Protein backbone atom coordinates (compact mmCIF):
# COMPACT_ATOMS: atom_id res chain seq x y z
CA MET A 1 -184.78 30.97 0.55
CA ARG A 2 -183.42 33.78 -1.53
CA ILE A 3 -185.39 36.18 -3.76
CA PHE A 4 -183.40 37.69 -6.54
CA ALA A 5 -183.77 41.27 -7.70
CA SER A 6 -184.82 40.15 -11.16
CA GLU A 7 -187.81 38.28 -9.68
CA LEU A 8 -188.83 41.33 -7.62
CA SER A 9 -188.59 43.51 -10.70
CA LYS A 10 -190.71 41.06 -12.67
CA CYS A 11 -193.31 41.02 -9.86
CA ARG A 12 -193.44 44.82 -9.70
CA LYS A 13 -193.91 45.04 -13.47
CA MET A 14 -196.81 42.55 -13.33
CA LYS A 15 -198.41 44.44 -10.41
CA PHE A 16 -198.12 47.67 -12.37
CA LEU A 17 -199.61 46.06 -15.47
CA TYR A 18 -202.53 44.57 -13.50
CA GLY A 19 -203.12 47.96 -11.87
CA ILE A 20 -203.36 49.65 -15.27
CA VAL A 21 -205.74 46.97 -16.56
CA ILE A 22 -207.96 47.29 -13.47
CA ALA A 23 -207.94 51.13 -13.64
CA LEU A 24 -208.88 51.08 -17.33
CA SER A 25 -211.64 48.56 -16.66
CA PHE A 26 -213.13 50.70 -13.90
CA PHE A 27 -212.86 53.79 -16.09
CA VAL A 28 -214.68 52.10 -18.95
CA ILE A 29 -217.35 50.51 -16.73
CA PHE A 30 -218.08 53.49 -14.49
CA ILE A 31 -217.39 56.45 -16.80
CA ILE A 32 -217.60 55.49 -20.48
CA PHE A 33 -220.61 53.10 -20.35
CA PRO A 34 -222.83 55.50 -18.34
CA LEU A 35 -221.91 58.36 -20.68
CA LEU A 36 -222.73 56.24 -23.73
CA TRP A 37 -226.02 55.19 -22.18
CA PHE A 38 -226.86 58.80 -21.29
CA PHE A 39 -226.22 60.12 -24.79
CA LYS A 40 -227.86 57.18 -26.59
CA ALA A 41 -230.97 56.97 -24.38
CA PRO A 42 -234.10 58.35 -26.05
CA ILE A 43 -235.58 61.55 -24.71
CA PRO A 44 -239.10 60.84 -23.46
CA LYS A 45 -241.87 62.61 -25.38
CA THR A 46 -243.85 65.32 -23.65
CA THR A 47 -247.52 66.11 -24.16
CA GLU A 48 -246.49 69.03 -26.38
CA ASP A 49 -244.53 66.63 -28.61
CA TYR A 50 -247.59 64.42 -29.00
CA ILE A 51 -249.75 67.48 -29.74
CA LYS A 52 -247.29 68.60 -32.44
CA GLU A 53 -247.44 65.19 -34.07
CA TYR A 54 -251.23 65.11 -33.82
CA VAL A 55 -251.75 68.56 -35.34
CA VAL A 56 -249.27 68.00 -38.18
CA ASN A 57 -250.70 64.54 -38.95
CA ARG A 58 -254.29 65.78 -38.73
CA LEU A 59 -253.99 69.02 -40.71
CA THR A 60 -251.40 68.15 -43.36
CA PHE A 61 -252.91 66.06 -46.12
CA THR A 62 -253.35 65.42 -49.82
CA PRO A 63 -256.41 63.87 -51.49
CA SER A 64 -254.76 60.45 -51.26
CA THR A 65 -253.73 60.78 -47.59
CA VAL A 66 -256.79 62.58 -46.20
CA GLU A 67 -258.22 59.44 -44.60
CA GLU A 68 -254.93 58.75 -42.84
CA ALA A 69 -254.97 62.34 -41.56
CA TYR A 70 -258.50 62.14 -40.19
CA PHE A 71 -258.00 58.69 -38.65
CA ASN A 72 -254.40 59.00 -37.42
CA GLN A 73 -253.13 57.18 -34.34
CA TYR A 74 -253.55 60.21 -32.05
CA GLN A 75 -257.11 61.06 -33.14
CA TYR A 76 -259.72 60.45 -30.47
CA GLN A 77 -262.76 59.14 -32.29
CA ILE A 78 -266.02 60.16 -30.69
CA PRO A 79 -269.07 58.02 -31.44
CA LEU A 80 -270.13 58.44 -35.09
CA TYR A 81 -266.83 60.22 -35.89
CA SER A 82 -266.49 58.45 -39.25
CA LYS A 83 -269.97 59.60 -40.29
CA ILE A 84 -269.27 63.16 -39.19
CA VAL A 85 -266.10 63.52 -41.28
CA LYS A 86 -267.24 61.40 -44.24
CA LYS A 87 -268.63 64.34 -46.28
CA GLU A 88 -265.58 66.48 -45.55
CA ILE A 89 -263.24 63.70 -46.73
CA GLU A 90 -265.32 63.20 -49.90
CA PHE A 91 -265.24 66.96 -50.58
CA ILE A 92 -261.44 67.04 -50.19
CA LYS A 93 -260.98 64.08 -52.54
CA LYS A 94 -263.46 65.41 -55.12
CA ASN A 95 -261.95 68.91 -55.25
CA LYS A 96 -258.34 67.66 -54.90
CA ILE A 97 -257.50 69.84 -51.93
CA TYR A 98 -253.98 69.88 -50.49
CA GLN A 99 -253.24 71.39 -47.07
CA TYR A 100 -250.01 72.02 -45.19
CA VAL A 101 -249.48 73.43 -41.68
CA ILE A 102 -246.50 74.69 -39.74
CA ILE A 103 -246.76 74.88 -35.95
CA LYS A 104 -245.65 78.19 -34.51
CA ASP A 105 -246.41 77.77 -30.80
CA ILE A 106 -248.26 75.59 -28.29
CA MET A 107 -249.72 77.07 -25.13
CA PRO A 108 -251.49 75.19 -22.34
CA LEU A 109 -254.74 76.89 -21.33
CA SER A 110 -256.12 77.33 -17.84
CA GLU A 111 -258.84 74.80 -18.67
CA LYS A 112 -257.58 71.33 -17.84
CA ASN A 113 -256.05 69.33 -20.73
CA LYS A 114 -256.76 72.01 -23.31
CA TYR A 115 -254.10 73.60 -25.50
CA LEU A 116 -253.97 76.50 -27.92
CA VAL A 117 -251.85 75.80 -30.99
CA TYR A 118 -250.80 78.61 -33.33
CA VAL A 119 -250.27 77.41 -36.90
CA LYS A 120 -249.65 78.77 -40.39
CA GLN A 121 -251.82 77.06 -43.00
CA VAL A 122 -251.74 76.89 -46.76
CA ARG A 123 -254.48 75.19 -48.78
CA PHE A 124 -254.43 74.45 -52.52
CA GLU A 125 -257.09 73.21 -54.89
CA CYS A 126 -256.12 71.38 -58.06
CA SER A 127 -258.22 70.53 -61.08
CA LYS A 128 -257.69 69.08 -64.54
CA GLU A 129 -258.70 72.32 -66.30
CA THR A 130 -256.46 74.70 -64.36
CA ALA A 131 -253.26 74.34 -62.45
CA CYS A 132 -253.29 74.27 -58.69
CA ARG A 133 -254.39 77.51 -57.10
CA LYS A 134 -254.03 78.72 -53.56
CA ILE A 135 -257.44 78.92 -51.90
CA TYR A 136 -256.29 79.82 -48.41
CA GLU A 137 -253.15 81.09 -46.72
CA SER A 138 -253.17 82.40 -43.17
CA LYS A 139 -251.73 85.89 -43.00
CA ARG A 140 -251.52 85.75 -39.22
CA ASP A 141 -251.29 82.62 -37.12
CA ASP A 142 -254.48 80.56 -37.01
CA LYS A 143 -255.65 79.31 -33.64
CA ILE A 144 -256.46 75.68 -33.07
CA TYR A 145 -257.86 74.44 -29.77
CA VAL A 146 -256.87 70.86 -28.96
CA ARG A 147 -258.08 68.77 -26.04
CA ASP A 148 -256.00 65.97 -24.57
CA VAL A 149 -258.49 63.22 -23.73
CA GLY A 150 -255.85 60.87 -22.32
CA GLU A 151 -253.56 58.07 -23.45
CA HIS A 152 -252.09 60.28 -26.18
CA LYS A 153 -255.45 60.79 -27.89
CA PHE A 154 -256.51 64.28 -28.91
CA LEU A 155 -259.57 66.03 -30.20
CA LEU A 156 -259.50 69.12 -32.39
CA GLU A 157 -262.20 71.22 -30.73
CA GLU A 158 -262.11 74.52 -32.55
CA ARG A 159 -260.32 76.16 -35.44
CA LYS A 160 -260.19 79.94 -35.85
CA ASN A 161 -258.85 81.22 -39.16
CA ASN A 162 -257.30 84.66 -38.89
CA GLY A 163 -257.17 85.28 -42.63
């Protein structure tokens, strides 16, 4: 049985073509897909990320969103919490108070699950007679002490205004 040179050439070309296809497949499967997965995978949230969300959601509000701020998804609600904050919410709605905070820094304290959050705050009061007026702006960073009570629930323990 004789094999002609043209058949050998054809066989070599097919082997080369299959080799390229296999090499590209391995490259895509073992290099490209893991890189895509790595860059598309979400970065897991840290406790500091949850604290940032909690503080911003809790301390940034308007008269219409104050209840959402006080009862947000990260707020740990102690027994009778709704009764404790009821008068404060009514006061905010009645006086049309707007508040905005910017987080400057978060520091874990030596006490377990307690954090010190430095924020800048601005508070406005609006009325029908006068335009909105600024009633508070922190000159230096205000200190807010937040306790992590577990399962991404937090409690605002203390607030120190630095003027």
